PDB file of N, CA and C in Angstrom:
ATOM      1  N   MET A   1      -2.771   4.616   4.164  1.00  0.00           N
ATOM      2  CA  MET A   1      -2.155   3.398   3.686  1.00  0.00           C
ATOM      3  C   MET A   1      -0.635   3.502   3.731  1.00  0.00           C
ATOM      4  N   LYS A   2      -0.136   4.680   3.411  1.00  0.00           N
ATOM      5  CA  LYS A   2       1.314   4.869   3.431  1.00  0.00           C
ATOM      6  C   LYS A   2       1.875   4.630   4.841  1.00  0.00           C
ATOM      7  N   VAL A   3       1.166   5.083   5.859  1.00  0.00           N
ATOM      8  CA  VAL A   3       1.615   4.882   7.239  1.00  0.00           C
ATOM      9  C   VAL A   3       1.607   3.392   7.577  1.00  0.00           C
ATOM     10  N   LEU A   4       0.600   2.676   7.124  1.00  0.00           N
ATOM     11  CA  LEU A   4       0.529   1.240   7.385  1.00  0.00           C
ATOM     12  C   LEU A   4       1.637   0.482   6.661  1.00  0.00           C
ATOM     13  N   ILE A   5       1.959   0.905   5.449  1.00  0.00           N
ATOM     14  CA  ILE A   5       3.060   0.284   4.719  1.00  0.00           C
ATOM     15  C   ILE A   5       4.376   0.514   5.459  1.00  0.00           C
ATOM     16  N   GLN A   6       4.581   1.739   5.940  1.00  0.00           N
ATOM     17  CA  GLN A   6       5.790   2.041   6.704  1.00  0.00           C
ATOM     18  C   GLN A   6       5.824   1.224   7.994  1.00  0.00           C
ATOM     19  N   ALA A   7       4.677   1.056   8.638  1.00  0.00           N
ATOM     20  CA  ALA A   7       4.614   0.257   9.867  1.00  0.00           C
ATOM     21  C   ALA A   7       4.987  -1.198   9.591  1.00  0.00           C
ATOM     22  N   CYS A   8       4.563  -1.724   8.447  1.00  0.00           N
ATOM     23  CA  CYS A   8       4.952  -3.096   8.089  1.00  0.00           C
ATOM     24  C   CYS A   8       6.467  -3.214   8.024  1.00  0.00           C
ATOM     25  N   GLU A   9       7.091  -2.223   7.437  1.00  0.00           N
ATOM     26  CA  GLU A   9       8.550  -2.254   7.337  1.00  0.00           C
ATOM     27  C   GLU A   9       9.187  -2.108   8.723  1.00  0.00           C
ATOM     28  N   ASP A  10       8.741  -1.133   9.490  1.00  0.00           N
ATOM     29  CA  ASP A  10       9.325  -0.869  10.812  1.00  0.00           C
ATOM     30  C   ASP A  10       9.120  -2.033  11.777  1.00  0.00           C
ATOM     31  N   LEU A  11       7.940  -2.662  11.715  1.00  0.00           N
ATOM     32  CA  LEU A  11       7.610  -3.755  12.627  1.00  0.00           C
ATOM     33  C   LEU A  11       7.972  -5.124  12.045  1.00  0.00           C
ATOM     34  N   GLU A  12       8.598  -5.101  10.858  1.00  0.00           N
ATOM     35  CA  GLU A  12       9.016  -6.323  10.176  1.00  0.00           C
ATOM     36  C   GLU A  12       7.848  -7.284   9.967  1.00  0.00           C
ATOM     37  N   ILE A  13       6.748  -6.738   9.489  1.00  0.00           N
ATOM     38  CA  ILE A  13       5.558  -7.520   9.166  1.00  0.00           C
ATOM     39  C   ILE A  13       5.571  -7.753   7.658  1.00  0.00           C
ATOM     40  N   PRO A  14       5.568  -9.009   7.231  1.00  0.00           N
ATOM     41  CA  PRO A  14       5.633  -9.271   5.789  1.00  0.00           C
ATOM     42  C   PRO A  14       4.308  -8.966   5.081  1.00  0.00           C
ATOM     43  N   ILE A  15       4.431  -8.562   3.824  1.00  0.00           N
ATOM     44  CA  ILE A  15       3.288  -8.376   2.945  1.00  0.00           C
ATOM     45  C   ILE A  15       3.124  -9.668   2.159  1.00  0.00           C
ATOM     46  N   GLU A  16       1.888 -10.097   1.962  1.00  0.00           N
ATOM     47  CA  GLU A  16       1.628 -11.342   1.251  1.00  0.00           C
ATOM     48  C   GLU A  16       2.100 -11.282  -0.201  1.00  0.00           C
ATOM     49  N   ALA A  17       2.498 -12.422  -0.725  1.00  0.00           N
ATOM     50  CA  ALA A  17       3.001 -12.514  -2.097  1.00  0.00           C
ATOM     51  C   ALA A  17       1.945 -12.111  -3.123  1.00  0.00           C
ATOM     52  N   GLU A  18       0.669 -12.380  -2.854  1.00  0.00           N
ATOM     53  CA  GLU A  18      -0.390 -12.028  -3.805  1.00  0.00           C
ATOM     54  C   GLU A  18      -0.389 -10.536  -4.095  1.00  0.00           C
ATOM     55  N   VAL A  19      -0.197  -9.742  -3.058  1.00  0.00           N
ATOM     56  CA  VAL A  19      -0.164  -8.295  -3.242  1.00  0.00           C
ATOM     57  C   VAL A  19       1.136  -7.889  -3.929  1.00  0.00           C
ATOM     58  N   ARG A  20       2.217  -8.570  -3.632  1.00  0.00           N
ATOM     59  CA  ARG A  20       3.504  -8.236  -4.234  1.00  0.00           C
ATOM     60  C   ARG A  20       3.465  -8.331  -5.759  1.00  0.00           C
ATOM     61  N   SER A  21       2.628  -9.206  -6.287  1.00  0.00           N
ATOM     62  CA  SER A  21       2.621  -9.409  -7.728  1.00  0.00           C
ATOM     63  C   SER A  21       1.562  -8.568  -8.445  1.00  0.00           C
ATOM     64  N   VAL A  22       0.898  -7.680  -7.737  1.00  0.00           N
ATOM     65  CA  VAL A  22      -0.143  -6.864  -8.361  1.00  0.00           C
ATOM     66  C   VAL A  22       0.458  -5.969  -9.443  1.00  0.00           C
ATOM     67  N   THR A  23      -0.218  -5.897 -10.555  1.00  0.00           N
ATOM     68  CA  THR A  23       0.218  -5.031 -11.642  1.00  0.00           C
ATOM     69  C   THR A  23      -0.644  -3.784 -11.622  1.00  0.00           C
ATOM     70  N   ILE A  24      -0.005  -2.629 -11.693  1.00  0.00           N
ATOM     71  CA  ILE A  24      -0.733  -1.368 -11.621  1.00  0.00           C
ATOM     72  C   ILE A  24      -0.623  -0.626 -12.935  1.00  0.00           C
ATOM     73  N   GLN A  25      -1.592   0.215 -13.175  1.00  0.00           N
ATOM     74  CA  GLN A  25      -1.565   1.079 -14.342  1.00  0.00           C
ATOM     75  C   GLN A  25      -1.079   2.445 -13.882  1.00  0.00           C
ATOM     76  N   ARG A  26      -0.030   2.929 -14.516  1.00  0.00           N
ATOM     77  CA  ARG A  26       0.520   4.218 -14.147  1.00  0.00           C
ATOM     78  C   ARG A  26       0.940   4.932 -15.424  1.00  0.00           C
ATOM     79  N   ASN A  27       0.357   6.085 -15.661  1.00  0.00           N
ATOM     80  CA  ASN A  27       0.705   6.885 -16.835  1.00  0.00           C
ATOM     81  C   ASN A  27       0.612   6.073 -18.128  1.00  0.00           C
ATOM     82  N   ALA A  28      -0.478   5.348 -18.275  1.00  0.00           N
ATOM     83  CA  ALA A  28      -0.771   4.557 -19.479  1.00  0.00           C
ATOM     84  C   ALA A  28       0.204   3.406 -19.708  1.00  0.00           C
ATOM     85  N   SER A  29       1.002   3.060 -18.727  1.00  0.00           N
ATOM     86  CA  SER A  29       1.860   1.885 -18.855  1.00  0.00           C
ATOM     87  C   SER A  29       1.752   1.067 -17.575  1.00  0.00           C
ATOM     88  N   SER A  30       1.984  -0.205 -17.691  1.00  0.00           N
ATOM     89  CA  SER A  30       1.857  -1.049 -16.505  1.00  0.00           C
ATOM     90  C   SER A  30       3.195  -1.178 -15.798  1.00  0.00           C
ATOM     91  N   CYS A  31       3.118  -1.390 -14.504  1.00  0.00           N
ATOM     92  CA  CYS A  31       4.311  -1.519 -13.676  1.00  0.00           C
ATOM     93  C   CYS A  31       4.010  -2.563 -12.615  1.00  0.00           C
ATOM     94  N   THR A  32       4.867  -3.543 -12.471  1.00  0.00           N
ATOM     95  CA  THR A  32       4.649  -4.574 -11.464  1.00  0.00           C
ATOM     96  C   THR A  32       5.362  -4.170 -10.182  1.00  0.00           C
ATOM     97  N   LEU A  33       4.610  -4.210  -9.091  1.00  0.00           N
ATOM     98  CA  LEU A  33       5.186  -3.853  -7.794  1.00  0.00           C
ATOM     99  C   LEU A  33       5.858  -5.080  -7.185  1.00  0.00           C
ATOM    100  N   SER A  34       6.939  -5.497  -7.782  1.00  0.00           N
ATOM    101  CA  SER A  34       7.655  -6.654  -7.246  1.00  0.00           C
ATOM    102  C   SER A  34       9.155  -6.463  -7.390  1.00  0.00           C
ATOM    103  N   HIS A  35       9.588  -5.224  -7.445  1.00  0.00           N
ATOM    104  CA  HIS A  35      11.008  -4.935  -7.523  1.00  0.00           C
ATOM    105  C   HIS A  35      11.651  -5.227  -6.173  1.00  0.00           C
ATOM    106  N   GLY A  36      12.936  -5.102  -6.072  1.00  0.00           N
ATOM    107  CA  GLY A  36      13.663  -5.475  -4.871  1.00  0.00           C
ATOM    108  C   GLY A  36      13.050  -4.996  -3.568  1.00  0.00           C
ATOM    109  N   ASN A  37      12.466  -3.817  -3.561  1.00  0.00           N
ATOM    110  CA  ASN A  37      11.905  -3.277  -2.330  1.00  0.00           C
ATOM    111  C   ASN A  37      10.425  -2.969  -2.545  1.00  0.00           C
ATOM    112  N   PHE A  38       9.583  -3.980  -2.331  1.00  0.00           N
ATOM    113  CA  PHE A  38       8.146  -3.824  -2.573  1.00  0.00           C
ATOM    114  C   PHE A  38       7.547  -2.706  -1.738  1.00  0.00           C
ATOM    115  N   LEU A  39       7.919  -2.617  -0.482  1.00  0.00           N
ATOM    116  CA  LEU A  39       7.319  -1.599   0.382  1.00  0.00           C
ATOM    117  C   LEU A  39       7.643  -0.198  -0.122  1.00  0.00           C
ATOM    118  N   GLN A  40       8.860   0.014  -0.593  1.00  0.00           N
ATOM    119  CA  GLN A  40       9.210   1.319  -1.157  1.00  0.00           C
ATOM    120  C   GLN A  40       8.419   1.570  -2.444  1.00  0.00           C
ATOM    121  N   ASP A  41       8.279   0.541  -3.281  1.00  0.00           N
ATOM    122  CA  ASP A  41       7.488   0.677  -4.503  1.00  0.00           C
ATOM    123  C   ASP A  41       6.050   1.063  -4.177  1.00  0.00           C
ATOM    124  N   ALA A  42       5.482   0.420  -3.165  1.00  0.00           N
ATOM    125  CA  ALA A  42       4.098   0.711  -2.792  1.00  0.00           C
ATOM    126  C   ALA A  42       3.958   2.141  -2.273  1.00  0.00           C
ATOM    127  N   ARG A  43       4.920   2.588  -1.454  1.00  0.00           N
ATOM    128  CA  ARG A  43       4.890   3.974  -0.969  1.00  0.00           C
ATOM    129  C   ARG A  43       4.992   4.953  -2.134  1.00  0.00           C
ATOM    130  N   ASP A  44       5.901   4.675  -3.065  1.00  0.00           N
ATOM    131  CA  ASP A  44       6.056   5.552  -4.236  1.00  0.00           C
ATOM    132  C   ASP A  44       4.771   5.597  -5.047  1.00  0.00           C
ATOM    133  N   TYR A  45       4.142   4.439  -5.221  1.00  0.00           N
ATOM    134  CA  TYR A  45       2.891   4.365  -5.968  1.00  0.00           C
ATOM    135  C   TYR A  45       1.818   5.243  -5.314  1.00  0.00           C
ATOM    136  N   ILE A  46       1.699   5.142  -4.003  1.00  0.00           N
ATOM    137  CA  ILE A  46       0.700   5.931  -3.281  1.00  0.00           C
ATOM    138  C   ILE A  46       1.018   7.415  -3.380  1.00  0.00           C
ATOM    139  N   ASP A  47       2.297   7.768  -3.345  1.00  0.00           N
ATOM    140  CA  ASP A  47       2.696   9.167  -3.498  1.00  0.00           C
ATOM    141  C   ASP A  47       2.261   9.738  -4.845  1.00  0.00           C
ATOM    142  N   GLU A  48       2.224   8.887  -5.865  1.00  0.00           N
ATOM    143  CA  GLU A  48       1.883   9.349  -7.203  1.00  0.00           C
ATOM    144  C   GLU A  48       0.376   9.511  -7.426  1.00  0.00           C
ATOM    145  N   ILE A  49      -0.432   9.037  -6.498  1.00  0.00           N
ATOM    146  CA  ILE A  49      -1.883   9.170  -6.651  1.00  0.00           C
ATOM    147  C   ILE A  49      -2.255  10.630  -6.448  1.00  0.00           C
ATOM    148  N   SER A  50      -2.933  11.182  -7.422  1.00  0.00           N
ATOM    149  CA  SER A  50      -3.328  12.584  -7.361  1.00  0.00           C
ATOM    150  C   SER A  50      -4.506  12.761  -6.414  1.00  0.00           C
ATOM    151  N   GLU A  51      -4.390  13.710  -5.508  1.00  0.00           N
ATOM    152  CA  GLU A  51      -5.495  14.013  -4.596  1.00  0.00           C
ATOM    153  C   GLU A  51      -6.550  14.872  -5.281  1.00  0.00           C
ATOM    154  N   GLU A  52      -6.193  15.412  -6.427  1.00  0.00           N
ATOM    155  CA  GLU A  52      -7.091  16.318  -7.125  1.00  0.00           C
ATOM    156  C   GLU A  52      -7.925  15.621  -8.192  1.00  0.00           C
ATOM    157  N   GLU A  53      -7.575  14.401  -8.540  1.00  0.00           N
ATOM    158  CA  GLU A  53      -8.294  13.661  -9.562  1.00  0.00           C
ATOM    159  C   GLU A  53      -9.046  12.505  -8.922  1.00  0.00           C
ATOM    160  N   PRO A  54     -10.167  12.099  -9.539  1.00  0.00           N
ATOM    161  CA  PRO A  54     -10.898  10.943  -9.002  1.00  0.00           C
ATOM    162  C   PRO A  54     -10.039   9.679  -9.081  1.00  0.00           C
ATOM    163  N   LEU A  55     -10.245   8.778  -8.142  1.00  0.00           N
ATOM    164  CA  LEU A  55      -9.526   7.507  -8.173  1.00  0.00           C
ATOM    165  C   LEU A  55     -10.016   6.678  -9.347  1.00  0.00           C
ATOM    166  N   THR A  56      -9.077   6.080 -10.050  1.00  0.00           N
ATOM    167  CA  THR A  56      -9.461   5.171 -11.124  1.00  0.00           C
ATOM    168  C   THR A  56      -9.828   3.821 -10.502  1.00  0.00           C
ATOM    169  N   THR A  57     -10.474   2.997 -11.277  1.00  0.00           N
ATOM    170  CA  THR A  57     -10.824   1.654 -10.812  1.00  0.00           C
ATOM    171  C   THR A  57      -9.570   0.868 -10.465  1.00  0.00           C
ATOM    172  N   GLU A  58      -8.524   1.022 -11.287  1.00  0.00           N
ATOM    173  CA  GLU A  58      -7.277   0.296 -11.036  1.00  0.00           C
ATOM    174  C   GLU A  58      -6.641   0.703  -9.710  1.00  0.00           C
ATOM    175  N   VAL A  59      -6.613   2.003  -9.433  1.00  0.00           N
ATOM    176  CA  VAL A  59      -6.035   2.474  -8.173  1.00  0.00           C
ATOM    177  C   VAL A  59      -6.867   1.977  -6.996  1.00  0.00           C
ATOM    178  N   ALA A  60      -8.182   2.080  -7.113  1.00  0.00           N
ATOM    179  CA  ALA A  60      -9.064   1.611  -6.039  1.00  0.00           C
ATOM    180  C   ALA A  60      -8.881   0.114  -5.798  1.00  0.00           C
ATOM    181  N   ASP A  61      -8.767  -0.652  -6.869  1.00  0.00           N
ATOM    182  CA  ASP A  61      -8.557  -2.100  -6.728  1.00  0.00           C
ATOM    183  C   ASP A  61      -7.231  -2.406  -6.040  1.00  0.00           C
ATOM    184  N   ASN A  62      -6.177  -1.662  -6.401  1.00  0.00           N
ATOM    185  CA  ASN A  62      -4.874  -1.887  -5.775  1.00  0.00           C
ATOM    186  C   ASN A  62      -4.882  -1.502  -4.303  1.00  0.00           C
ATOM    187  N   LEU A  63      -5.536  -0.397  -3.967  1.00  0.00           N
ATOM    188  CA  LEU A  63      -5.649  -0.010  -2.554  1.00  0.00           C
ATOM    189  C   LEU A  63      -6.465  -1.045  -1.786  1.00  0.00           C
ATOM    190  N   ASP A  64      -7.506  -1.579  -2.414  1.00  0.00           N
ATOM    191  CA  ASP A  64      -8.320  -2.615  -1.788  1.00  0.00           C
ATOM    192  C   ASP A  64      -7.488  -3.873  -1.526  1.00  0.00           C
ATOM    193  N   LEU A  65      -6.654  -4.269  -2.500  1.00  0.00           N
ATOM    194  CA  LEU A  65      -5.775  -5.424  -2.303  1.00  0.00           C
ATOM    195  C   LEU A  65      -4.813  -5.193  -1.143  1.00  0.00           C
ATOM    196  N   LEU A  66      -4.236  -4.004  -1.091  1.00  0.00           N
ATOM    197  CA  LEU A  66      -3.332  -3.697   0.022  1.00  0.00           C
ATOM    198  C   LEU A  66      -4.066  -3.740   1.348  1.00  0.00           C
ATOM    199  N   TRP A  67      -5.253  -3.145   1.417  1.00  0.00           N
ATOM    200  CA  TRP A  67      -6.012  -3.109   2.668  1.00  0.00           C
ATOM    201  C   TRP A  67      -6.356  -4.517   3.145  1.00  0.00           C
ATOM    202  N   LYS A  68      -6.674  -5.417   2.226  1.00  0.00           N
ATOM    203  CA  LYS A  68      -7.062  -6.781   2.579  1.00  0.00           C
ATOM    204  C   LYS A  68      -5.874  -7.673   2.926  1.00  0.00           C
ATOM    205  N   ASP A  69      -4.673  -7.197   2.660  1.00  0.00           N
ATOM    206  CA  ASP A  69      -3.485  -7.986   2.929  1.00  0.00           C
ATOM    207  C   ASP A  69      -3.350  -8.269   4.421  1.00  0.00           C
ATOM    208  N   SER A  70      -2.970  -9.494   4.764  1.00  0.00           N
ATOM    209  CA  SER A  70      -2.847  -9.865   6.179  1.00  0.00           C
ATOM    210  C   SER A  70      -1.756  -9.065   6.888  1.00  0.00           C
ATOM    211  N   GLY A  71      -0.695  -8.683   6.152  1.00  0.00           N
ATOM    212  CA  GLY A  71       0.359  -7.867   6.754  1.00  0.00           C
ATOM    213  C   GLY A  71      -0.134  -6.467   7.092  1.00  0.00           C
ATOM    214  N   ILE A  72      -0.873  -5.850   6.184  1.00  0.00           N
ATOM    215  CA  ILE A  72      -1.433  -4.523   6.440  1.00  0.00           C
ATOM    216  C   ILE A  72      -2.415  -4.605   7.606  1.00  0.00           C
ATOM    217  N   GLN A  73      -3.224  -5.645   7.643  1.00  0.00           N
ATOM    218  CA  GLN A  73      -4.175  -5.814   8.742  1.00  0.00           C
ATOM    219  C   GLN A  73      -3.453  -6.018  10.077  1.00  0.00           C
ATOM    220  N   ALA A  74      -2.343  -6.770  10.050  1.00  0.00           N
ATOM    221  CA  ALA A  74      -1.560  -6.970  11.274  1.00  0.00           C
ATOM    222  C   ALA A  74      -0.979  -5.645  11.755  1.00  0.00           C
ATOM    223  N   ALA A  75      -0.496  -4.828  10.815  1.00  0.00           N
ATOM    224  CA  ALA A  75       0.030  -3.505  11.190  1.00  0.00           C
ATOM    225  C   ALA A  75      -1.088  -2.648  11.775  1.00  0.00           C
ATOM    226  N   TYR A  76      -2.274  -2.694  11.166  1.00  0.00           N
ATOM    227  CA  TYR A  76      -3.409  -1.918  11.669  1.00  0.00           C
ATOM    228  C   TYR A  76      -3.763  -2.344  13.096  1.00  0.00           C
ATOM    229  N   GLU A  77      -3.715  -3.637  13.361  1.00  0.00           N
ATOM    230  CA  GLU A  77      -4.012  -4.135  14.709  1.00  0.00           C
ATOM    231  C   GLU A  77      -2.987  -3.631  15.733  1.00  0.00           C
ATOM    232  N   LYS A  78      -1.778  -3.332  15.283  1.00  0.00           N
ATOM    233  CA  LYS A  78      -0.717  -2.833  16.168  1.00  0.00           C
ATOM    234  C   LYS A  78      -0.601  -1.316  16.100  1.00  0.00           C
ATOM    235  N   ARG A  79      -1.662  -0.646  15.674  1.00  0.00           N
ATOM    236  CA  ARG A  79      -1.622   0.809  15.463  1.00  0.00           C
ATOM    237  C   ARG A  79      -1.287   1.602  16.716  1.00  0.00           C
ATOM    238  N   ALA A  80      -1.403   0.998  17.894  1.00  0.00           N
ATOM    239  CA  ALA A  80      -1.012   1.683  19.126  1.00  0.00           C
ATOM    240  C   ALA A  80       0.509   1.839  19.197  1.00  0.00           C
ATOM    241  N   SER A  81       1.236   1.085  18.364  1.00  0.00           N
ATOM    242  CA  SER A  81       2.701   1.128  18.356  1.00  0.00           C
ATOM    243  C   SER A  81       3.259   2.255  17.502  1.00  0.00           C
ATOM    244  N   PHE A  82       2.403   2.916  16.726  1.00  0.00           N
ATOM    245  CA  PHE A  82       2.843   4.003  15.856  1.00  0.00           C
ATOM    246  C   PHE A  82       1.690   4.988  15.699  1.00  0.00           C
ATOM    247  N   GLN A  83       1.978   6.129  15.127  1.00  0.00           N
ATOM    248  CA  GLN A  83       0.943   7.159  15.001  1.00  0.00           C
ATOM    249  C   GLN A  83       0.152   6.948  13.712  1.00  0.00           C
ATOM    250  N   LEU A  84      -1.131   6.621  13.879  1.00  0.00           N
ATOM    251  CA  LEU A  84      -2.050   6.493  12.764  1.00  0.00           C
ATOM    252  C   LEU A  84      -3.193   7.461  13.029  1.00  0.00           C
ATOM    253  N   ASN A  85      -3.265   8.508  12.234  1.00  0.00           N
ATOM    254  CA  ASN A  85      -4.301   9.520  12.440  1.00  0.00           C
ATOM    255  C   ASN A  85      -5.690   8.914  12.335  1.00  0.00           C
ATOM    256  N   ASP A  86      -6.608   9.418  13.141  1.00  0.00           N
ATOM    257  CA  ASP A  86      -7.989   8.919  13.112  1.00  0.00           C
ATOM    258  C   ASP A  86      -8.600   9.051  11.728  1.00  0.00           C
ATOM    259  N   SER A  87      -8.259  10.098  11.016  1.00  0.00           N
ATOM    260  CA  SER A  87      -8.837  10.296   9.685  1.00  0.00           C
ATOM    261  C   SER A  87      -8.315   9.266   8.694  1.00  0.00           C
ATOM    262  N   ALA A  88      -7.245   8.578   9.046  1.00  0.00           N
ATOM    263  CA  ALA A  88      -6.697   7.554   8.159  1.00  0.00           C
ATOM    264  C   ALA A  88      -7.311   6.192   8.423  1.00  0.00           C
ATOM    265  N   ALA A  89      -7.992   6.046   9.535  1.00  0.00           N
ATOM    266  CA  ALA A  89      -8.568   4.740   9.889  1.00  0.00           C
ATOM    267  C   ALA A  89      -9.903   4.521   9.228  1.00  0.00           C
TER     268      ALA A  89
END
């Protein structure tokens, strides 16, 4: 997902407003991903997801919203333009 978010920025593909307003739970407090640089916020959020702990419902829901976003899907369709590992698809 992080690669797709970066591709949206590099290819100037907009992320839908619905995803921009998603509220996430992080460290028992909520944080809205709608600060000046949404794509950077989303990358930071993904960086904070622990690979050693199970995904929470909130994290899974937020990743699902990002995946369903038309901008993320457009970036995925242009995956030949950047390196997207097979294991990430």
